Amino acid sequence: MALKLRLLLAVIIIPASALAVKNQVHHTTMGNTAMQDPNWAELMKSMQTMHAAMETAKPSGNDDKDFVNLMLPHHEAAVEMAKAELLHGNDAQMLRLAQEIITDQESEIQLMQLWLGRQRTQSKEPQTPHSQKEH
């Protein structure tokens, strides 16, 4: 019994504790950086939102739909990060790039949202066999 307990401790509890400590150090470091540089915190918030949305996506069995469901949060984060660059950046070339990213990504976001809407509409329509044309 003691051997099983030690094995459980070695295999599960110790690695889980190490991971918790690592996450706490990461969180504290990120928190300190954010307190020192609110612009960095704004960029990181965009990334965290993107990762959270992408992690909750589930495979649908439709590769196109899965692509869009993962790309939407990616593009939305890019837009948020570009907006932060416009607010806080100084380099003219990067500001121009940020504006282009916003324009392009928002257009692509609209396209993907329209496509998803069509997919939902098509999946709700009753499935009827197509009539075959006579030759």
C-alpha atoms as a PDB file:
ATOM      1  CA  MET A   1       0.000   0.000   0.000  1.00  0.00           C
ATOM      2  CA  ALA A   2       2.807   2.420   0.866  1.00  0.00           C
ATOM      3  CA  LEU A   3       4.457   1.650  -2.473  1.00  0.00           C
ATOM      4  CA  LYS A   4       1.253   2.568  -4.326  1.00  0.00           C
ATOM      5  CA  LEU A   5       1.027   5.816  -2.368  1.00  0.00           C
ATOM      6  CA  ARG A   6       4.647   6.704  -3.148  1.00  0.00           C
ATOM      7  CA  LEU A   7       4.072   5.846  -6.812  1.00  0.00           C
ATOM      8  CA  LEU A   8       0.950   8.008  -6.887  1.00  0.00           C
ATOM      9  CA  LEU A   9       2.921  10.815  -5.288  1.00  0.00           C
ATOM     10  CA  ALA A  10       5.761  10.498  -7.788  1.00  0.00           C
ATOM     11  CA  VAL A  11       3.600  10.157 -10.889  1.00  0.00           C
ATOM     12  CA  ILE A  12       0.706  12.531 -10.241  1.00  0.00           C
ATOM     13  CA  ILE A  13       1.058  14.835  -7.268  1.00  0.00           C
ATOM     14  CA  ILE A  14       4.664  16.000  -7.669  1.00  0.00           C
ATOM     15  CA  PRO A  15       4.343  16.868 -11.402  1.00  0.00           C
ATOM     16  CA  ALA A  16       1.003  18.582 -10.746  1.00  0.00           C
ATOM     17  CA  SER A  17       2.559  20.628  -7.950  1.00  0.00           C
ATOM     18  CA  ALA A  18       5.500  21.579 -10.155  1.00  0.00           C
ATOM     19  CA  LEU A  19       3.112  22.664 -12.879  1.00  0.00           C
ATOM     20  CA  ALA A  20       1.120  24.770 -10.420  1.00  0.00           C
ATOM     21  CA  VAL A  21       4.310  26.473  -9.221  1.00  0.00           C
ATOM     22  CA  LYS A  22       5.433  27.068 -12.812  1.00  0.00           C
ATOM     23  CA  ASN A  23       2.036  28.597 -13.671  1.00  0.00           C
ATOM     24  CA  GLN A  24       2.151  30.795 -10.567  1.00  0.00           C
ATOM     25  CA  VAL A  25       5.641  32.031 -11.485  1.00  0.00           C
ATOM     26  CA  HIS A  26       4.480  32.674 -15.055  1.00  0.00           C
ATOM     27  CA  HIS A  27       1.373  34.503 -13.824  1.00  0.00           C
ATOM     28  CA  THR A  28       3.386  36.577 -11.366  1.00  0.00           C
ATOM     29  CA  THR A  29       5.970  37.428 -14.017  1.00  0.00           C
ATOM     30  CA  MET A  30       3.241  38.362 -16.477  1.00  0.00           C
ATOM     31  CA  GLY A  31       1.524  40.387 -13.778  1.00  0.00           C
ATOM     32  CA  ASN A  32       4.711  42.290 -12.983  1.00  0.00           C
ATOM     33  CA  THR A  33       5.372  42.950 -16.650  1.00  0.00           C
ATOM     34  CA  ALA A  34       1.788  44.115 -17.119  1.00  0.00           C
ATOM     35  CA  MET A  35       2.085  46.482 -14.173  1.00  0.00           C
ATOM     36  CA  GLN A  36       5.283  47.920 -15.652  1.00  0.00           C
ATOM     37  CA  ASP A  37       3.996  48.093 -19.229  1.00  0.00           C
ATOM     38  CA  PRO A  38       0.207  48.345 -19.748  1.00  0.00           C
ATOM     39  CA  ASN A  39       0.700  48.258 -23.528  1.00  0.00           C
ATOM     40  CA  TRP A  40       2.275  44.802 -23.219  1.00  0.00           C
ATOM     41  CA  ALA A  41      -0.641  43.726 -21.028  1.00  0.00           C
ATOM     42  CA  GLU A  42      -3.044  44.831 -23.754  1.00  0.00           C
ATOM     43  CA  LEU A  43      -1.233  42.683 -26.334  1.00  0.00           C
ATOM     44  CA  MET A  44      -1.147  39.698 -23.973  1.00  0.00           C
ATOM     45  CA  LYS A  45      -4.868  40.038 -23.246  1.00  0.00           C
ATOM     46  CA  SER A  46      -5.549  39.722 -26.988  1.00  0.00           C
ATOM     47  CA  MET A  47      -3.417  36.599 -27.120  1.00  0.00           C
ATOM     48  CA  GLN A  48      -5.068  35.044 -24.064  1.00  0.00           C
ATOM     49  CA  THR A  49      -8.537  35.703 -25.472  1.00  0.00           C
ATOM     50  CA  MET A  50      -7.508  34.103 -28.771  1.00  0.00           C
ATOM     51  CA  HIS A  51      -6.026  31.025 -27.114  1.00  0.00           C
ATOM     52  CA  ALA A  52      -9.069  30.560 -24.881  1.00  0.00           C
ATOM     53  CA  ALA A  53     -11.421  30.732 -27.880  1.00  0.00           C
ATOM     54  CA  MET A  54      -9.296  28.359 -29.927  1.00  0.00           C
ATOM     55  CA  GLU A  55      -9.003  25.875 -27.069  1.00  0.00           C
ATOM     56  CA  THR A  56     -12.793  25.668 -26.662  1.00  0.00           C
ATOM     57  CA  ALA A  57     -13.329  24.888 -30.359  1.00  0.00           C
ATOM     58  CA  LYS A  58     -14.345  21.294 -30.964  1.00  0.00           C
ATOM     59  CA  PRO A  59     -13.817  19.346 -34.185  1.00  0.00           C
ATOM     60  CA  SER A  60     -16.997  19.326 -36.257  1.00  0.00           C
ATOM     61  CA  GLY A  61     -16.086  16.720 -38.828  1.00  0.00           C
ATOM     62  CA  ASN A  62     -16.076  19.482 -41.464  1.00  0.00           C
ATOM     63  CA  ASP A  63     -12.516  20.597 -42.199  1.00  0.00           C
ATOM     64  CA  ASP A  64     -13.636  23.913 -43.691  1.00  0.00           C
ATOM     65  CA  LYS A  65     -15.786  24.761 -40.672  1.00  0.00           C
ATOM     66  CA  ASP A  66     -12.989  23.764 -38.284  1.00  0.00           C
ATOM     67  CA  PHE A  67     -10.580  26.014 -40.193  1.00  0.00           C
ATOM     68  CA  VAL A  68     -12.960  28.969 -39.924  1.00  0.00           C
ATOM     69  CA  ASN A  69     -13.759  28.345 -36.257  1.00  0.00           C
ATOM     70  CA  LEU A  70     -10.053  28.462 -35.426  1.00  0.00           C
ATOM     71  CA  MET A  71      -9.178  31.322 -37.766  1.00  0.00           C
ATOM     72  CA  LEU A  72     -11.869  33.677 -36.452  1.00  0.00           C
ATOM     73  CA  PRO A  73     -10.311  34.154 -32.997  1.00  0.00           C
ATOM     74  CA  HIS A  74      -6.870  34.338 -34.619  1.00  0.00           C
ATOM     75  CA  HIS A  75      -7.984  37.198 -36.876  1.00  0.00           C
ATOM     76  CA  GLU A  76      -9.893  38.925 -34.067  1.00  0.00           C
ATOM     77  CA  ALA A  77      -6.741  38.883 -31.925  1.00  0.00           C
ATOM     78  CA  ALA A  78      -4.723  40.288 -34.824  1.00  0.00           C
ATOM     79  CA  VAL A  79      -7.189  43.175 -35.120  1.00  0.00           C
ATOM     80  CA  GLU A  80      -7.024  43.882 -31.373  1.00  0.00           C
ATOM     81  CA  MET A  81      -3.241  43.800 -31.400  1.00  0.00           C
ATOM     82  CA  ALA A  82      -3.122  46.108 -34.433  1.00  0.00           C
ATOM     83  CA  LYS A  83      -5.458  48.537 -32.668  1.00  0.00           C
ATOM     84  CA  ALA A  84      -3.080  48.544 -29.694  1.00  0.00           C
ATOM     85  CA  GLU A  85      -0.219  49.310 -32.077  1.00  0.00           C
ATOM     86  CA  LEU A  86      -2.159  52.252 -33.500  1.00  0.00           C
ATOM     87  CA  LEU A  87      -2.716  53.589 -29.985  1.00  0.00           C
ATOM     88  CA  HIS A  88       0.764  53.075 -28.617  1.00  0.00           C
ATOM     89  CA  GLY A  89       3.167  52.589 -31.529  1.00  0.00           C
ATOM     90  CA  ASN A  90       5.522  55.199 -32.926  1.00  0.00           C
ATOM     91  CA  ASP A  91       7.093  53.756 -36.063  1.00  0.00           C
ATOM     92  CA  ALA A  92       5.333  54.972 -39.234  1.00  0.00           C
ATOM     93  CA  GLN A  93       5.920  51.683 -41.057  1.00  0.00           C
ATOM     94  CA  MET A  94       4.458  49.616 -38.196  1.00  0.00           C
ATOM     95  CA  LEU A  95       1.499  51.981 -37.861  1.00  0.00           C
ATOM     96  CA  ARG A  96       0.789  51.571 -41.573  1.00  0.00           C
ATOM     97  CA  LEU A  97       1.093  47.802 -41.238  1.00  0.00           C
ATOM     98  CA  ALA A  98      -1.282  47.823 -38.256  1.00  0.00           C
ATOM     99  CA  GLN A  99      -3.871  49.730 -40.280  1.00  0.00           C
ATOM    100  CA  GLU A 100      -3.532  47.272 -43.173  1.00  0.00           C
ATOM    101  CA  ILE A 101      -3.924  44.343 -40.784  1.00  0.00           C
ATOM    102  CA  ILE A 102      -7.123  45.849 -39.383  1.00  0.00           C
ATOM    103  CA  THR A 103      -8.569  46.452 -42.849  1.00  0.00           C
ATOM    104  CA  ASP A 104      -7.632  43.033 -44.240  1.00  0.00           C
ATOM    105  CA  GLN A 105      -8.479  40.983 -41.167  1.00  0.00           C
ATOM    106  CA  GLU A 106     -11.849  42.657 -40.606  1.00  0.00           C
ATOM    107  CA  SER A 107     -12.771  41.931 -44.219  1.00  0.00           C
ATOM    108  CA  GLU A 108     -11.750  38.296 -43.779  1.00  0.00           C
ATOM    109  CA  ILE A 109     -13.651  38.075 -40.473  1.00  0.00           C
ATOM    110  CA  GLN A 110     -16.798  39.267 -42.257  1.00  0.00           C
ATOM    111  CA  LEU A 111     -16.282  36.704 -45.014  1.00  0.00           C
ATOM    112  CA  MET A 112     -15.840  33.878 -42.516  1.00  0.00           C
ATOM    113  CA  GLN A 113     -18.887  34.940 -40.483  1.00  0.00           C
ATOM    114  CA  LEU A 114     -21.012  35.073 -43.643  1.00  0.00           C
ATOM    115  CA  TRP A 115     -19.726  31.662 -44.664  1.00  0.00           C
ATOM    116  CA  LEU A 116     -20.562  30.194 -41.250  1.00  0.00           C
ATOM    117  CA  GLY A 117     -24.040  31.739 -41.465  1.00  0.00           C
ATOM    118  CA  ARG A 118     -24.593  30.076 -44.841  1.00  0.00           C
ATOM    119  CA  GLN A 119     -23.423  26.760 -43.418  1.00  0.00           C
ATOM    120  CA  ARG A 120     -25.939  27.011 -40.573  1.00  0.00           C
ATOM    121  CA  THR A 121     -28.729  27.915 -42.998  1.00  0.00           C
ATOM    122  CA  GLN A 122     -27.848  25.055 -45.330  1.00  0.00           C
ATOM    123  CA  SER A 123     -27.734  22.545 -42.495  1.00  0.00           C
ATOM    124  CA  LYS A 124     -31.251  23.595 -41.404  1.00  0.00           C
ATOM    125  CA  GLU A 125     -32.733  23.216 -44.906  1.00  0.00           C
ATOM    126  CA  PRO A 126     -34.421  19.886 -45.543  1.00  0.00           C
ATOM    127  CA  GLN A 127     -32.254  17.583 -47.590  1.00  0.00           C
ATOM    128  CA  THR A 128     -33.937  16.811 -50.897  1.00  0.00           C
ATOM    129  CA  PRO A 129     -32.425  14.638 -53.619  1.00  0.00           C
ATOM    130  CA  HIS A 130     -31.409  16.524 -56.720  1.00  0.00           C
ATOM    131  CA  SER A 131     -33.380  15.594 -59.812  1.00  0.00           C
ATOM    132  CA  GLN A 132     -31.262  14.007 -62.472  1.00  0.00           C
ATOM    133  CA  LYS A 133     -31.298  15.525 -65.923  1.00  0.00           C
ATOM    134  CA  GLU A 134     -32.021  13.279 -68.830  1.00  0.00           C
ATOM    135  CA  HIS A 135     -29.468  13.230 -71.585  1.00  0.00           C
END
